[in-house]
Amino acid sequence: MRAIPVAAAVFILSVLVIGGALFFEFVIGLVPCELCLLQRWPWYAAIVLSGLVLALAPARGWTVRPRCSSPCCSWSRPGSPSIMSASSSTSSPDQPPAPRRHWPANRPPSC
């Protein structure tokens, strides 16, 4: 699942944006306009939602998969036959050329 890295990136970015806005408001002394205050609400919502995803991810068993283990992703694994190697035209005269593999025809039905 890719939810954890995306949620972490959204959480960090949102905290940085709101932290910067609050720094300029309270430390520097800039008074925000009404529109500036309204524009902060989506950032607050992003902090809450991404924080919930990060907090609930271990309880739900969500993990980050290092690689796709599905047969649909076999083309991306090292050592697996690729489309380029199956369609190469370098063959000896006594051996017929390798059949061309087309992606839609060779996809497993579960994909």
PDB file of N, CA and C in Angstrom:
ATOM      1  N   MET A   1       0.828  -1.180   0.000  1.00  0.00           N
ATOM      2  CA  MET A   1       0.000   0.000   0.000  1.00  0.00           C
ATOM      3  C   MET A   1       0.866   1.234   0.000  1.00  0.00           C
ATOM      4  N   ARG A   2       0.478   2.186  -0.760  1.00  0.00           N
ATOM      5  CA  ARG A   2       1.243   3.425  -0.825  1.00  0.00           C
ATOM      6  C   ARG A   2       0.655   4.511   0.068  1.00  0.00           C
ATOM      7  N   ALA A   3      -0.288   4.176   0.907  1.00  0.00           N
ATOM      8  CA  ALA A   3      -0.963   5.184   1.721  1.00  0.00           C
ATOM      9  C   ALA A   3      -0.032   5.790   2.759  1.00  0.00           C
ATOM     10  N   ILE A   4       0.880   5.014   3.292  1.00  0.00           N
ATOM     11  CA  ILE A   4       1.730   5.514   4.373  1.00  0.00           C
ATOM     12  C   ILE A   4       2.716   6.576   3.882  1.00  0.00           C
ATOM     13  N   PRO A   5       3.498   6.354   2.807  1.00  0.00           N
ATOM     14  CA  PRO A   5       4.411   7.421   2.380  1.00  0.00           C
ATOM     15  C   PRO A   5       3.684   8.672   1.907  1.00  0.00           C
ATOM     16  N   VAL A   6       2.555   8.514   1.231  1.00  0.00           N
ATOM     17  CA  VAL A   6       1.803   9.680   0.774  1.00  0.00           C
ATOM     18  C   VAL A   6       1.241  10.443   1.970  1.00  0.00           C
ATOM     19  N   ALA A   7       0.675   9.738   2.920  1.00  0.00           N
ATOM     20  CA  ALA A   7       0.131  10.397   4.111  1.00  0.00           C
ATOM     21  C   ALA A   7       1.234  11.098   4.899  1.00  0.00           C
ATOM     22  N   ALA A   8       2.400  10.477   4.979  1.00  0.00           N
ATOM     23  CA  ALA A   8       3.516  11.119   5.693  1.00  0.00           C
ATOM     24  C   ALA A   8       3.963  12.379   4.976  1.00  0.00           C
ATOM     25  N   ALA A   9       4.034  12.336   3.655  1.00  0.00           N
ATOM     26  CA  ALA A   9       4.441  13.519   2.891  1.00  0.00           C
ATOM     27  C   ALA A   9       3.409  14.635   3.026  1.00  0.00           C
ATOM     28  N   VAL A  10       2.120  14.289   2.950  1.00  0.00           N
ATOM     29  CA  VAL A  10       1.064  15.293   3.106  1.00  0.00           C
ATOM     30  C   VAL A  10       1.096  15.875   4.513  1.00  0.00           C
ATOM     31  N   PHE A  11       1.293  15.045   5.509  1.00  0.00           N
ATOM     32  CA  PHE A  11       1.339  15.519   6.895  1.00  0.00           C
ATOM     33  C   PHE A  11       2.508  16.479   7.102  1.00  0.00           C
ATOM     34  N   ILE A  12       3.679  16.094   6.650  1.00  0.00           N
ATOM     35  CA  ILE A  12       4.867  16.943   6.837  1.00  0.00           C
ATOM     36  C   ILE A  12       4.714  18.263   6.096  1.00  0.00           C
ATOM     37  N   LEU A  13       4.254  18.207   4.842  1.00  0.00           N
ATOM     38  CA  LEU A  13       4.074  19.434   4.069  1.00  0.00           C
ATOM     39  C   LEU A  13       3.035  20.345   4.710  1.00  0.00           C
ATOM     40  N   SER A  14       1.935  19.786   5.170  1.00  0.00           N
ATOM     41  CA  SER A  14       0.881  20.593   5.784  1.00  0.00           C
ATOM     42  C   SER A  14       1.353  21.239   7.082  1.00  0.00           C
ATOM     43  N   VAL A  15       2.085  20.480   7.885  1.00  0.00           N
ATOM     44  CA  VAL A  15       2.607  21.046   9.140  1.00  0.00           C
ATOM     45  C   VAL A  15       3.601  22.164   8.852  1.00  0.00           C
ATOM     46  N   LEU A  16       4.426  21.989   7.824  1.00  0.00           N
ATOM     47  CA  LEU A  16       5.374  23.047   7.471  1.00  0.00           C
ATOM     48  C   LEU A  16       4.666  24.309   6.988  1.00  0.00           C
ATOM     49  N   VAL A  17       3.635  24.152   6.162  1.00  0.00           N
ATOM     50  CA  VAL A  17       2.911  25.317   5.653  1.00  0.00           C
ATOM     51  C   VAL A  17       2.215  26.056   6.789  1.00  0.00           C
ATOM     52  N   ILE A  18       1.490  25.321   7.622  1.00  0.00           N
ATOM     53  CA  ILE A  18       0.784  25.972   8.736  1.00  0.00           C
ATOM     54  C   ILE A  18       1.780  26.525   9.754  1.00  0.00           C
ATOM     55  N   GLY A  19       2.861  25.802   9.994  1.00  0.00           N
ATOM     56  CA  GLY A  19       3.895  26.312  10.898  1.00  0.00           C
ATOM     57  C   GLY A  19       4.497  27.614  10.400  1.00  0.00           C
ATOM     58  N   GLY A  20       4.724  27.696   9.098  1.00  0.00           N
ATOM     59  CA  GLY A  20       5.238  28.940   8.519  1.00  0.00           C
ATOM     60  C   GLY A  20       4.246  30.085   8.656  1.00  0.00           C
ATOM     61  N   ALA A  21       2.972  29.779   8.414  1.00  0.00           N
ATOM     62  CA  ALA A  21       1.947  30.823   8.535  1.00  0.00           C
ATOM     63  C   ALA A  21       1.831  31.307   9.980  1.00  0.00           C
ATOM     64  N   LEU A  22       1.849  30.367  10.920  1.00  0.00           N
ATOM     65  CA  LEU A  22       1.758  30.765  12.329  1.00  0.00           C
ATOM     66  C   LEU A  22       3.019  31.498  12.791  1.00  0.00           C
ATOM     67  N   PHE A  23       4.168  31.122  12.241  1.00  0.00           N
ATOM     68  CA  PHE A  23       5.415  31.834  12.561  1.00  0.00           C
ATOM     69  C   PHE A  23       5.327  33.284  12.123  1.00  0.00           C
ATOM     70  N   PHE A  24       4.880  33.494  10.872  1.00  0.00           N
ATOM     71  CA  PHE A  24       4.773  34.872  10.385  1.00  0.00           C
ATOM     72  C   PHE A  24       3.706  35.656  11.137  1.00  0.00           C
ATOM     73  N   GLU A  25       2.677  34.977  11.620  1.00  0.00           N
ATOM     74  CA  GLU A  25       1.612  35.675  12.332  1.00  0.00           C
ATOM     75  C   GLU A  25       2.024  36.047  13.749  1.00  0.00           C
ATOM     76  N   PHE A  26       2.579  35.083  14.495  1.00  0.00           N
ATOM     77  CA  PHE A  26       2.828  35.326  15.915  1.00  0.00           C
ATOM     78  C   PHE A  26       4.246  35.779  16.225  1.00  0.00           C
ATOM     79  N   VAL A  27       5.234  35.366  15.475  1.00  0.00           N
ATOM     80  CA  VAL A  27       6.617  35.752  15.762  1.00  0.00           C
ATOM     81  C   VAL A  27       6.989  37.041  15.034  1.00  0.00           C
ATOM     82  N   ILE A  28       6.699  37.088  13.748  1.00  0.00           N
ATOM     83  CA  ILE A  28       7.046  38.278  12.960  1.00  0.00           C
ATOM     84  C   ILE A  28       6.041  39.399  13.216  1.00  0.00           C
ATOM     85  N   GLY A  29       4.798  39.043  13.474  1.00  0.00           N
ATOM     86  CA  GLY A  29       3.793  40.054  13.784  1.00  0.00           C
ATOM     87  C   GLY A  29       2.925  40.458  12.610  1.00  0.00           C
ATOM     88  N   LEU A  30       2.929  39.693  11.517  1.00  0.00           N
ATOM     89  CA  LEU A  30       2.061  40.017  10.389  1.00  0.00           C
ATOM     90  C   LEU A  30       0.626  39.592  10.707  1.00  0.00           C
ATOM     91  N   VAL A  31      -0.299  40.484  10.460  1.00  0.00           N
ATOM     92  CA  VAL A  31      -1.706  40.189  10.719  1.00  0.00           C
ATOM     93  C   VAL A  31      -2.299  39.615   9.430  1.00  0.00           C
ATOM     94  N   PRO A  32      -2.834  38.383   9.478  1.00  0.00           N
ATOM     95  CA  PRO A  32      -3.389  37.788   8.257  1.00  0.00           C
ATOM     96  C   PRO A  32      -4.754  38.375   7.918  1.00  0.00           C
ATOM     97  N   CYS A  33      -5.032  38.440   6.623  1.00  0.00           N
ATOM     98  CA  CYS A  33      -6.350  38.913   6.189  1.00  0.00           C
ATOM     99  C   CYS A  33      -7.360  37.774   6.331  1.00  0.00           C
ATOM    100  N   GLU A  34      -8.622  38.082   6.076  1.00  0.00           N
ATOM    101  CA  GLU A  34      -9.662  37.074   6.219  1.00  0.00           C
ATOM    102  C   GLU A  34      -9.482  35.935   5.210  1.00  0.00           C
ATOM    103  N   LEU A  35      -9.061  36.263   4.005  1.00  0.00           N
ATOM    104  CA  LEU A  35      -8.833  35.234   2.998  1.00  0.00           C
ATOM    105  C   LEU A  35      -7.682  34.313   3.405  1.00  0.00           C
ATOM    106  N   CYS A  36      -6.643  34.864   4.005  1.00  0.00           N
ATOM    107  CA  CYS A  36      -5.521  34.036   4.468  1.00  0.00           C
ATOM    108  C   CYS A  36      -5.975  33.040   5.526  1.00  0.00           C
ATOM    109  N   LEU A  37      -6.841  33.498   6.406  1.00  0.00           N
ATOM    110  CA  LEU A  37      -7.355  32.606   7.441  1.00  0.00           C
ATOM    111  C   LEU A  37      -8.244  31.522   6.844  1.00  0.00           C
ATOM    112  N   LEU A  38      -9.035  31.851   5.827  1.00  0.00           N
ATOM    113  CA  LEU A  38      -9.879  30.861   5.167  1.00  0.00           C
ATOM    114  C   LEU A  38      -9.046  29.834   4.395  1.00  0.00           C
ATOM    115  N   GLN A  39      -7.935  30.288   3.833  1.00  0.00           N
ATOM    116  CA  GLN A  39      -7.091  29.387   3.047  1.00  0.00           C
ATOM    117  C   GLN A  39      -6.330  28.396   3.921  1.00  0.00           C
ATOM    118  N   ARG A  40      -6.320  28.590   5.207  1.00  0.00           N
ATOM    119  CA  ARG A  40      -5.643  27.643   6.099  1.00  0.00           C
ATOM    120  C   ARG A  40      -6.489  26.407   6.387  1.00  0.00           C
ATOM    121  N   TRP A  41      -7.799  26.493   6.244  1.00  0.00           N
ATOM    122  CA  TRP A  41      -8.671  25.374   6.604  1.00  0.00           C
ATOM    123  C   TRP A  41      -8.365  24.091   5.839  1.00  0.00           C
ATOM    124  N   PRO A  42      -8.116  24.126   4.536  1.00  0.00           N
ATOM    125  CA  PRO A  42      -7.742  22.865   3.867  1.00  0.00           C
ATOM    126  C   PRO A  42      -6.451  22.264   4.419  1.00  0.00           C
ATOM    127  N   TRP A  43      -5.526  23.109   4.833  1.00  0.00           N
ATOM    128  CA  TRP A  43      -4.282  22.597   5.413  1.00  0.00           C
ATOM    129  C   TRP A  43      -4.551  21.942   6.771  1.00  0.00           C
ATOM    130  N   TYR A  44      -5.436  22.541   7.560  1.00  0.00           N
ATOM    131  CA  TYR A  44      -5.805  21.918   8.833  1.00  0.00           C
ATOM    132  C   TYR A  44      -6.469  20.559   8.596  1.00  0.00           C
ATOM    133  N   ALA A  45      -7.353  20.509   7.592  1.00  0.00           N
ATOM    134  CA  ALA A  45      -8.023  19.244   7.274  1.00  0.00           C
ATOM    135  C   ALA A  45      -7.004  18.204   6.794  1.00  0.00           C
ATOM    136  N   ALA A  46      -6.031  18.620   6.020  1.00  0.00           N
ATOM    137  CA  ALA A  46      -4.995  17.686   5.545  1.00  0.00           C
ATOM    138  C   ALA A  46      -4.164  17.150   6.700  1.00  0.00           C
ATOM    139  N   ILE A  47      -3.881  18.005   7.680  1.00  0.00           N
ATOM    140  CA  ILE A  47      -3.131  17.549   8.857  1.00  0.00           C
ATOM    141  C   ILE A  47      -3.931  16.498   9.618  1.00  0.00           C
ATOM    142  N   VAL A  48      -5.224  16.765   9.820  1.00  0.00           N
ATOM    143  CA  VAL A  48      -6.055  15.831  10.580  1.00  0.00           C
ATOM    144  C   VAL A  48      -6.212  14.513   9.828  1.00  0.00           C
ATOM    145  N   LEU A  49      -6.553  14.576   8.534  1.00  0.00           N
ATOM    146  CA  LEU A  49      -6.785  13.349   7.771  1.00  0.00           C
ATOM    147  C   LEU A  49      -5.521  12.513   7.599  1.00  0.00           C
ATOM    148  N   SER A  50      -4.418  13.159   7.254  1.00  0.00           N
ATOM    149  CA  SER A  50      -3.180  12.385   7.094  1.00  0.00           C
ATOM    150  C   SER A  50      -2.681  11.876   8.440  1.00  0.00           C
ATOM    151  N   GLY A  51      -2.916  12.633   9.511  1.00  0.00           N
ATOM    152  CA  GLY A  51      -2.562  12.150  10.840  1.00  0.00           C
ATOM    153  C   GLY A  51      -3.370  10.925  11.229  1.00  0.00           C
ATOM    154  N   LEU A  52      -4.667  10.916  10.853  1.00  0.00           N
ATOM    155  CA  LEU A  52      -5.497   9.735  11.113  1.00  0.00           C
ATOM    156  C   LEU A  52      -5.002   8.526  10.331  1.00  0.00           C
ATOM    157  N   VAL A  53      -4.637   8.736   9.081  1.00  0.00           N
ATOM    158  CA  VAL A  53      -4.119   7.624   8.277  1.00  0.00           C
ATOM    159  C   VAL A  53      -2.841   7.079   8.907  1.00  0.00           C
ATOM    160  N   LEU A  54      -1.959   7.968   9.323  1.00  0.00           N
ATOM    161  CA  LEU A  54      -0.708   7.516   9.935  1.00  0.00           C
ATOM    162  C   LEU A  54      -0.952   6.837  11.281  1.00  0.00           C
ATOM    163  N   ALA A  55      -1.944   7.307  12.031  1.00  0.00           N
ATOM    164  CA  ALA A  55      -2.216   6.707  13.341  1.00  0.00           C
ATOM    165  C   ALA A  55      -2.911   5.356  13.217  1.00  0.00           C
ATOM    166  N   LEU A  56      -3.786   5.217  12.219  1.00  0.00           N
ATOM    167  CA  LEU A  56      -4.553   3.980  12.073  1.00  0.00           C
ATOM    168  C   LEU A  56      -3.880   2.942  11.191  1.00  0.00           C
ATOM    169  N   ALA A  57      -2.838   3.309  10.484  1.00  0.00           N
ATOM    170  CA  ALA A  57      -2.188   2.378   9.555  1.00  0.00           C
ATOM    171  C   ALA A  57      -1.649   1.129  10.253  1.00  0.00           C
ATOM    172  N   PRO A  58      -0.925   1.229  11.358  1.00  0.00           N
ATOM    173  CA  PRO A  58      -0.435   0.002  11.996  1.00  0.00           C
ATOM    174  C   PRO A  58      -1.565  -0.869  12.551  1.00  0.00           C
ATOM    175  N   ALA A  59      -2.631  -0.260  13.039  1.00  0.00           N
ATOM    176  CA  ALA A  59      -3.739  -1.024  13.589  1.00  0.00           C
ATOM    177  C   ALA A  59      -4.479  -1.807  12.511  1.00  0.00           C
ATOM    178  N   ARG A  60      -4.507  -1.288  11.302  1.00  0.00           N
ATOM    179  CA  ARG A  60      -5.186  -1.959  10.204  1.00  0.00           C
ATOM    180  C   ARG A  60      -4.256  -2.884   9.433  1.00  0.00           C
ATOM    181  N   GLY A  61      -2.999  -2.910   9.779  1.00  0.00           N
ATOM    182  CA  GLY A  61      -2.063  -3.801   9.118  1.00  0.00           C
ATOM    183  C   GLY A  61      -1.546  -3.275   7.794  1.00  0.00           C
ATOM    184  N   TRP A  62      -1.666  -1.976   7.559  1.00  0.00           N
ATOM    185  CA  TRP A  62      -1.155  -1.409   6.325  1.00  0.00           C
ATOM    186  C   TRP A  62       0.358  -1.338   6.399  1.00  0.00           C
ATOM    187  N   THR A  63       1.009  -1.785   5.383  1.00  0.00           N
ATOM    188  CA  THR A  63       2.460  -1.711   5.311  1.00  0.00           C
ATOM    189  C   THR A  63       2.855  -1.190   3.947  1.00  0.00           C
ATOM    190  N   VAL A  64       4.107  -0.855   3.815  1.00  0.00           N
ATOM    191  CA  VAL A  64       4.633  -0.417   2.532  1.00  0.00           C
ATOM    192  C   VAL A  64       5.236  -1.624   1.842  1.00  0.00           C
ATOM    193  N   ARG A  65       4.709  -1.948   0.659  1.00  0.00           N
ATOM    194  CA  ARG A  65       5.261  -3.070  -0.096  1.00  0.00           C
ATOM    195  C   ARG A  65       6.513  -2.614  -0.832  1.00  0.00           C
ATOM    196  N   PRO A  66       7.621  -3.317  -0.663  1.00  0.00           N
ATOM    197  CA  PRO A  66       8.822  -2.892  -1.372  1.00  0.00           C
ATOM    198  C   PRO A  66       8.730  -3.126  -2.875  1.00  0.00           C
ATOM    199  N   ARG A  67       8.030  -4.178  -3.281  1.00  0.00           N
ATOM    200  CA  ARG A  67       7.880  -4.501  -4.697  1.00  0.00           C
ATOM    201  C   ARG A  67       6.544  -5.148  -4.920  1.00  0.00           C
ATOM    202  N   CYS A  68       6.063  -5.027  -6.114  1.00  0.00           N
ATOM    203  CA  CYS A  68       4.804  -5.671  -6.489  1.00  0.00           C
ATOM    204  C   CYS A  68       5.078  -7.154  -6.716  1.00  0.00           C
ATOM    205  N   SER A  69       4.299  -8.012  -6.088  1.00  0.00           N
ATOM    206  CA  SER A  69       4.501  -9.446  -6.250  1.00  0.00           C
ATOM    207  C   SER A  69       3.472 -10.057  -7.185  1.00  0.00           C
ATOM    208  N   SER A  70       2.668  -9.248  -7.800  1.00  0.00           N
ATOM    209  CA  SER A  70       1.639  -9.729  -8.711  1.00  0.00           C
ATOM    210  C   SER A  70       2.259 -10.174 -10.030  1.00  0.00           C
ATOM    211  N   PRO A  71       1.654 -11.139 -10.724  1.00  0.00           N
ATOM    212  CA  PRO A  71       2.177 -11.517 -12.036  1.00  0.00           C
ATOM    213  C   PRO A  71       2.079 -10.381 -13.037  1.00  0.00           C
ATOM    214  N   CYS A  72       1.236  -9.405 -12.768  1.00  0.00           N
ATOM    215  CA  CYS A  72       1.127  -8.259 -13.671  1.00  0.00           C
ATOM    216  C   CYS A  72       2.410  -7.437 -13.689  1.00  0.00           C
ATOM    217  N   CYS A  73       3.162  -7.473 -12.614  1.00  0.00           N
ATOM    218  CA  CYS A  73       4.371  -6.663 -12.501  1.00  0.00           C
ATOM    219  C   CYS A  73       5.631  -7.461 -12.812  1.00  0.00           C
ATOM    220  N   SER A  74       5.500  -8.620 -13.434  1.00  0.00           N
ATOM    221  CA  SER A  74       6.679  -9.448 -13.662  1.00  0.00           C
ATOM    222  C   SER A  74       7.664  -8.789 -14.609  1.00  0.00           C
ATOM    223  N   TRP A  75       7.201  -7.867 -15.434  1.00  0.00           N
ATOM    224  CA  TRP A  75       8.104  -7.201 -16.359  1.00  0.00           C
ATOM    225  C   TRP A  75       9.088  -6.294 -15.644  1.00  0.00           C
ATOM    226  N   SER A  76       8.782  -5.878 -14.418  1.00  0.00           N
ATOM    227  CA  SER A  76       9.653  -4.949 -13.722  1.00  0.00           C
ATOM    228  C   SER A  76      10.670  -5.645 -12.822  1.00  0.00           C
ATOM    229  N   ARG A  77      10.549  -6.961 -12.686  1.00  0.00           N
ATOM    230  CA  ARG A  77      11.493  -7.673 -11.826  1.00  0.00           C
ATOM    231  C   ARG A  77      12.755  -8.028 -12.590  1.00  0.00           C
ATOM    232  N   PRO A  78      13.922  -7.876 -11.992  1.00  0.00           N
ATOM    233  CA  PRO A  78      15.145  -8.259 -12.672  1.00  0.00           C
ATOM    234  C   PRO A  78      15.188  -9.769 -12.874  1.00  0.00           C
ATOM    235  N   GLY A  79      15.627 -10.171 -14.041  1.00  0.00           N
ATOM    236  CA  GLY A  79      15.745 -11.591 -14.332  1.00  0.00           C
ATOM    237  C   GLY A  79      14.518 -12.178 -14.981  1.00  0.00           C
ATOM    238  N   SER A  80      13.422 -11.435 -15.036  1.00  0.00           N
ATOM    239  CA  SER A  80      12.226 -11.963 -15.683  1.00  0.00           C
ATOM    240  C   SER A  80      12.291 -11.647 -17.174  1.00  0.00           C
ATOM    241  N   PRO A  81      11.662 -12.480 -17.993  1.00  0.00           N
ATOM    242  CA  PRO A  81      11.706 -12.196 -19.428  1.00  0.00           C
ATOM    243  C   PRO A  81      10.958 -10.908 -19.728  1.00  0.00           C
ATOM    244  N   SER A  82      11.554 -10.085 -20.509  1.00  0.00           N
ATOM    245  CA  SER A  82      10.933  -8.811 -20.828  1.00  0.00           C
ATOM    246  C   SER A  82      10.392  -8.835 -22.246  1.00  0.00           C
ATOM    247  N   ILE A  83       9.654  -7.825 -22.579  1.00  0.00           N
ATOM    248  CA  ILE A  83       9.106  -7.733 -23.930  1.00  0.00           C
ATOM    249  C   ILE A  83      10.240  -7.569 -24.933  1.00  0.00           C
ATOM    250  N   MET A  84      11.253  -6.825 -24.564  1.00  0.00           N
ATOM    251  CA  MET A  84      12.371  -6.596 -25.481  1.00  0.00           C
ATOM    252  C   MET A  84      13.143  -7.880 -25.744  1.00  0.00           C
ATOM    253  N   SER A  85      13.353  -8.692 -24.735  1.00  0.00           N
ATOM    254  CA  SER A  85      14.131  -9.907 -24.953  1.00  0.00           C
ATOM    255  C   SER A  85      13.331 -10.941 -25.730  1.00  0.00           C
ATOM    256  N   ALA A  86      12.008 -10.918 -25.608  1.00  0.00           N
ATOM    257  CA  ALA A  86      11.191 -11.885 -26.338  1.00  0.00           C
ATOM    258  C   ALA A  86      11.017 -11.489 -27.792  1.00  0.00           C
ATOM    259  N   SER A  87      11.171 -10.234 -28.112  1.00  0.00           N
ATOM    260  CA  SER A  87      10.950  -9.811 -29.478  1.00  0.00           C
ATOM    261  C   SER A  87      12.247  -9.474 -30.202  1.00  0.00           C
ATOM    262  N   SER A  88      13.357  -9.931 -29.687  1.00  0.00           N
ATOM    263  CA  SER A  88      14.616  -9.610 -30.346  1.00  0.00           C
ATOM    264  C   SER A  88      14.724 -10.375 -31.656  1.00  0.00           C
ATOM    265  N   SER A  89      15.326  -9.744 -32.617  1.00  0.00           N
ATOM    266  CA  SER A  89      15.402 -10.363 -33.934  1.00  0.00           C
ATOM    267  C   SER A  89      16.738 -11.055 -34.170  1.00  0.00           C
ATOM    268  N   THR A  90      17.569 -11.160 -33.153  1.00  0.00           N
ATOM    269  CA  THR A  90      18.848 -11.835 -33.316  1.00  0.00           C
ATOM    270  C   THR A  90      18.659 -13.319 -33.076  1.00  0.00           C
ATOM    271  N   SER A  91      18.600 -14.079 -34.131  1.00  0.00           N
ATOM    272  CA  SER A  91      18.467 -15.524 -34.016  1.00  0.00           C
ATOM    273  C   SER A  91      19.338 -16.171 -35.080  1.00  0.00           C
ATOM    274  N   SER A  92      19.686 -17.409 -34.841  1.00  0.00           N
ATOM    275  CA  SER A  92      20.524 -18.124 -35.809  1.00  0.00           C
ATOM    276  C   SER A  92      19.668 -18.538 -37.006  1.00  0.00           C
ATOM    277  N   PRO A  93      20.297 -18.818 -38.162  1.00  0.00           N
ATOM    278  CA  PRO A  93      19.523 -19.162 -39.366  1.00  0.00           C
ATOM    279  C   PRO A  93      18.710 -20.447 -39.207  1.00  0.00           C
ATOM    280  N   ASP A  94      19.172 -21.394 -38.396  1.00  0.00           N
ATOM    281  CA  ASP A  94      18.433 -22.639 -38.264  1.00  0.00           C
ATOM    282  C   ASP A  94      17.334 -22.562 -37.196  1.00  0.00           C
ATOM    283  N   GLN A  95      17.245 -21.451 -36.510  1.00  0.00           N
ATOM    284  CA  GLN A  95      16.243 -21.295 -35.453  1.00  0.00           C
ATOM    285  C   GLN A  95      15.277 -20.182 -35.867  1.00  0.00           C
ATOM    286  N   PRO A  96      13.984 -20.435 -35.800  1.00  0.00           N
ATOM    287  CA  PRO A  96      13.038 -19.374 -36.176  1.00  0.00           C
ATOM    288  C   PRO A  96      13.097 -18.237 -35.167  1.00  0.00           C
ATOM    289  N   PRO A  97      12.724 -17.064 -35.596  1.00  0.00           N
ATOM    290  CA  PRO A  97      12.751 -15.934 -34.656  1.00  0.00           C
ATOM    291  C   PRO A  97      11.753 -16.152 -33.525  1.00  0.00           C
ATOM    292  N   ALA A  98      12.055 -15.573 -32.426  1.00  0.00           N
ATOM    293  CA  ALA A  98      11.177 -15.700 -31.247  1.00  0.00           C
ATOM    294  C   ALA A  98       9.846 -15.021 -31.527  1.00  0.00           C
ATOM    295  N   PRO A  99       8.774 -15.603 -31.045  1.00  0.00           N
ATOM    296  CA  PRO A  99       7.472 -14.957 -31.273  1.00  0.00           C
ATOM    297  C   PRO A  99       7.393 -13.638 -30.519  1.00  0.00           C
ATOM    298  N   ARG A 100       6.713 -12.700 -31.103  1.00  0.00           N
ATOM    299  CA  ARG A 100       6.562 -11.401 -30.457  1.00  0.00           C
ATOM    300  C   ARG A 100       5.516 -11.492 -29.375  1.00  0.00           C
ATOM    301  N   ARG A 101       5.832 -10.914 -28.240  1.00  0.00           N
ATOM    302  CA  ARG A 101       4.891 -10.888 -27.126  1.00  0.00           C
ATOM    303  C   ARG A 101       4.213  -9.532 -27.122  1.00  0.00           C
ATOM    304  N   HIS A 102       2.931  -9.538 -26.996  1.00  0.00           N
ATOM    305  CA  HIS A 102       2.177  -8.302 -26.896  1.00  0.00           C
ATOM    306  C   HIS A 102       1.591  -8.231 -25.500  1.00  0.00           C
ATOM    307  N   TRP A 103       1.668  -7.067 -24.902  1.00  0.00           N
ATOM    308  CA  TRP A 103       1.289  -6.918 -23.512  1.00  0.00           C
ATOM    309  C   TRP A 103      -0.149  -7.346 -23.230  1.00  0.00           C
ATOM    310  N   PRO A 104      -1.158  -6.905 -23.968  1.00  0.00           N
ATOM    311  CA  PRO A 104      -2.528  -7.292 -23.601  1.00  0.00           C
ATOM    312  C   PRO A 104      -2.781  -8.791 -23.736  1.00  0.00           C
ATOM    313  N   ALA A 105      -2.132  -9.467 -24.702  1.00  0.00           N
ATOM    314  CA  ALA A 105      -2.393 -10.879 -24.899  1.00  0.00           C
ATOM    315  C   ALA A 105      -1.757 -11.730 -23.797  1.00  0.00           C
ATOM    316  N   ASN A 106      -0.692 -11.269 -23.185  1.00  0.00           N
ATOM    317  CA  ASN A 106       0.019 -12.060 -22.195  1.00  0.00           C
ATOM    318  C   ASN A 106      -0.303 -11.678 -20.760  1.00  0.00           C
ATOM    319  N   ARG A 107      -1.230 -10.776 -20.574  1.00  0.00           N
ATOM    320  CA  ARG A 107      -1.595 -10.398 -19.206  1.00  0.00           C
ATOM    321  C   ARG A 107      -2.395 -11.493 -18.561  1.00  0.00           C
ATOM    322  N   PRO A 108      -2.095 -11.818 -17.342  1.00  0.00           N
ATOM    323  CA  PRO A 108      -2.908 -12.809 -16.628  1.00  0.00           C
ATOM    324  C   PRO A 108      -4.337 -12.302 -16.449  1.00  0.00           C
ATOM    325  N   PRO A 109      -5.315 -13.206 -16.450  1.00  0.00           N
ATOM    326  CA  PRO A 109      -6.703 -12.744 -16.340  1.00  0.00           C
ATOM    327  C   PRO A 109      -7.035 -12.099 -15.007  1.00  0.00           C
ATOM    328  N   SER A 110      -6.220 -12.316 -13.991  1.00  0.00           N
ATOM    329  CA  SER A 110      -6.507 -11.732 -12.680  1.00  0.00           C
ATOM    330  C   SER A 110      -6.174 -10.244 -12.616  1.00  0.00           C
ATOM    331  N   CYS A 111      -5.489  -9.730 -13.600  1.00  0.00           N
ATOM    332  CA  CYS A 111      -5.097  -8.306 -13.565  1.00  0.00           C
ATOM    333  C   CYS A 111      -6.218  -7.459 -14.039  1.00  0.00           C
TER     334      CYS A 111
END
